[in-house]
Amino acid sequence: ELLLAGLARLTVANRSEGRGRDLLAALERAAPGKSTLVPWNGDCAIPAGTDYVINATSIGLFPDAQARVPLDLSGLRA
């Protein structure tokens, strides 16, 4: 929906390479050339210039509500 609404670029970080490729293929059908896939190994670095970070994982949900999403937030700006 974000791509269809005019989002310029979308980066997908997925813990499963196969599922990430499947998601990227669907995004490419909806908005060709606007999405990229990066591997998620350890703390995922947030590139400079990122405007939004969306957690679409189950990390931090019940029963493990204290779990930390493995992100390196040093690239985010206020």
C-alpha atoms as a PDB file:
ATOM      1  CA  GLU A   1       0.000   0.000   0.000  1.00  0.00           C
ATOM      2  CA  LEU A   2       2.840   2.414   0.759  1.00  0.00           C
ATOM      3  CA  LEU A   3       4.334   1.904  -2.697  1.00  0.00           C
ATOM      4  CA  LEU A   4       0.955   2.337  -4.354  1.00  0.00           C
ATOM      5  CA  ALA A   5       0.500   5.574  -2.379  1.00  0.00           C
ATOM      6  CA  GLY A   6       3.737   7.007  -3.789  1.00  0.00           C
ATOM      7  CA  LEU A   7       6.529   5.813  -1.501  1.00  0.00           C
ATOM      8  CA  ALA A   8       9.782   6.322  -3.432  1.00  0.00           C
ATOM      9  CA  ARG A   9      11.766   3.318  -2.091  1.00  0.00           C
ATOM     10  CA  LEU A  10      11.069   0.354   0.154  1.00  0.00           C
ATOM     11  CA  THR A  11      13.773  -1.821   1.698  1.00  0.00           C
ATOM     12  CA  VAL A  12      12.715  -5.214   3.016  1.00  0.00           C
ATOM     13  CA  ALA A  13      14.876  -6.930   5.632  1.00  0.00           C
ATOM     14  CA  ASN A  14      13.765 -10.503   6.192  1.00  0.00           C
ATOM     15  CA  ARG A  15      15.183 -13.178   8.481  1.00  0.00           C
ATOM     16  CA  SER A  16      14.267 -15.811   5.882  1.00  0.00           C
ATOM     17  CA  GLU A  17      15.853 -15.250   2.461  1.00  0.00           C
ATOM     18  CA  GLY A  18      13.210 -17.346   0.686  1.00  0.00           C
ATOM     19  CA  ARG A  19      10.270 -15.529   2.265  1.00  0.00           C
ATOM     20  CA  GLY A  20      12.017 -12.222   1.607  1.00  0.00           C
ATOM     21  CA  ARG A  21      12.369 -13.081  -2.096  1.00  0.00           C
ATOM     22  CA  ASP A  22       8.678 -14.054  -2.233  1.00  0.00           C
ATOM     23  CA  LEU A  23       7.690 -10.738  -0.670  1.00  0.00           C
ATOM     24  CA  LEU A  24       9.992  -8.802  -3.013  1.00  0.00           C
ATOM     25  CA  ALA A  25       8.433 -10.545  -6.030  1.00  0.00           C
ATOM     26  CA  ALA A  26       4.957  -9.456  -4.903  1.00  0.00           C
ATOM     27  CA  LEU A  27       6.153  -5.889  -4.329  1.00  0.00           C
ATOM     28  CA  GLU A  28       7.785  -5.819  -7.765  1.00  0.00           C
ATOM     29  CA  ARG A  29       4.478  -6.811  -9.384  1.00  0.00           C
ATOM     30  CA  ALA A  30       2.730  -3.924  -7.617  1.00  0.00           C
ATOM     31  CA  ALA A  31       5.444  -1.274  -8.070  1.00  0.00           C
ATOM     32  CA  PRO A  32       8.358  -2.371 -10.284  1.00  0.00           C
ATOM     33  CA  GLY A  33      11.846  -1.158  -9.414  1.00  0.00           C
ATOM     34  CA  LYS A  34      10.996   0.454  -6.082  1.00  0.00           C
ATOM     35  CA  SER A  35      11.898  -2.311  -3.620  1.00  0.00           C
ATOM     36  CA  THR A  36      15.088  -3.996  -2.492  1.00  0.00           C
ATOM     37  CA  LEU A  37      15.813  -6.931  -0.228  1.00  0.00           C
ATOM     38  CA  VAL A  38      18.653  -6.958   2.288  1.00  0.00           C
ATOM     39  CA  PRO A  39      19.706  -9.941   4.410  1.00  0.00           C
ATOM     40  CA  TRP A  40      18.904  -9.747   8.108  1.00  0.00           C
ATOM     41  CA  ASN A  41      21.758 -11.311  10.036  1.00  0.00           C
ATOM     42  CA  GLY A  42      22.261 -10.013  13.557  1.00  0.00           C
ATOM     43  CA  ASP A  43      21.419  -6.370  14.149  1.00  0.00           C
ATOM     44  CA  CYS A  44      19.990  -4.983  10.911  1.00  0.00           C
ATOM     45  CA  ALA A  45      21.502  -1.573  10.118  1.00  0.00           C
ATOM     46  CA  ILE A  46      19.054   1.203   9.300  1.00  0.00           C
ATOM     47  CA  PRO A  47      20.473   3.178   6.328  1.00  0.00           C
ATOM     48  CA  ALA A  48      20.978   6.929   6.722  1.00  0.00           C
ATOM     49  CA  GLY A  49      18.066   8.853   5.233  1.00  0.00           C
ATOM     50  CA  THR A  50      15.454   6.309   6.322  1.00  0.00           C
ATOM     51  CA  ASP A  51      12.166   8.017   7.122  1.00  0.00           C
ATOM     52  CA  TYR A  52      10.164   5.106   8.555  1.00  0.00           C
ATOM     53  CA  VAL A  53      10.897   1.734  10.140  1.00  0.00           C
ATOM     54  CA  ILE A  54       8.009  -0.718  10.272  1.00  0.00           C
ATOM     55  CA  ASN A  55       8.288  -3.836  12.418  1.00  0.00           C
ATOM     56  CA  ALA A  56       6.178  -6.505  10.735  1.00  0.00           C
ATOM     57  CA  THR A  57       7.654  -9.384  12.734  1.00  0.00           C
ATOM     58  CA  SER A  58       6.277 -11.269  15.695  1.00  0.00           C
ATOM     59  CA  ILE A  59       9.270 -10.169  17.807  1.00  0.00           C
ATOM     60  CA  GLY A  60       8.083  -8.536  21.020  1.00  0.00           C
ATOM     61  CA  LEU A  61       4.608 -10.042  20.991  1.00  0.00           C
ATOM     62  CA  PHE A  62       3.081 -12.107  23.796  1.00  0.00           C
ATOM     63  CA  PRO A  63       4.380 -14.182  25.465  1.00  0.00           C
ATOM     64  CA  ASP A  64       7.850 -12.693  24.878  1.00  0.00           C
ATOM     65  CA  ALA A  65       6.828  -9.038  25.098  1.00  0.00           C
ATOM     66  CA  GLN A  66      10.280  -8.005  26.347  1.00  0.00           C
ATOM     67  CA  ALA A  67      12.074  -9.294  23.223  1.00  0.00           C
ATOM     68  CA  ARG A  68      14.107  -6.719  21.303  1.00  0.00           C
ATOM     69  CA  VAL A  69      13.852  -6.312  17.540  1.00  0.00           C
ATOM     70  CA  PRO A  70      17.480  -6.735  16.377  1.00  0.00           C
ATOM     71  CA  LEU A  71      18.034  -3.340  14.772  1.00  0.00           C
ATOM     72  CA  ASP A  72      21.017  -0.998  14.747  1.00  0.00           C
ATOM     73  CA  LEU A  73      19.242   2.327  15.207  1.00  0.00           C
ATOM     74  CA  SER A  74      22.370   4.493  14.982  1.00  0.00           C
ATOM     75  CA  GLY A  75      21.456   5.533  11.407  1.00  0.00           C
ATOM     76  CA  LEU A  76      18.116   7.052  12.431  1.00  0.00           C
ATOM     77  CA  ARG A  77      17.722  10.779  12.905  1.00  0.00           C
ATOM     78  CA  ALA A  78      15.316  12.637  15.174  1.00  0.00           C
END
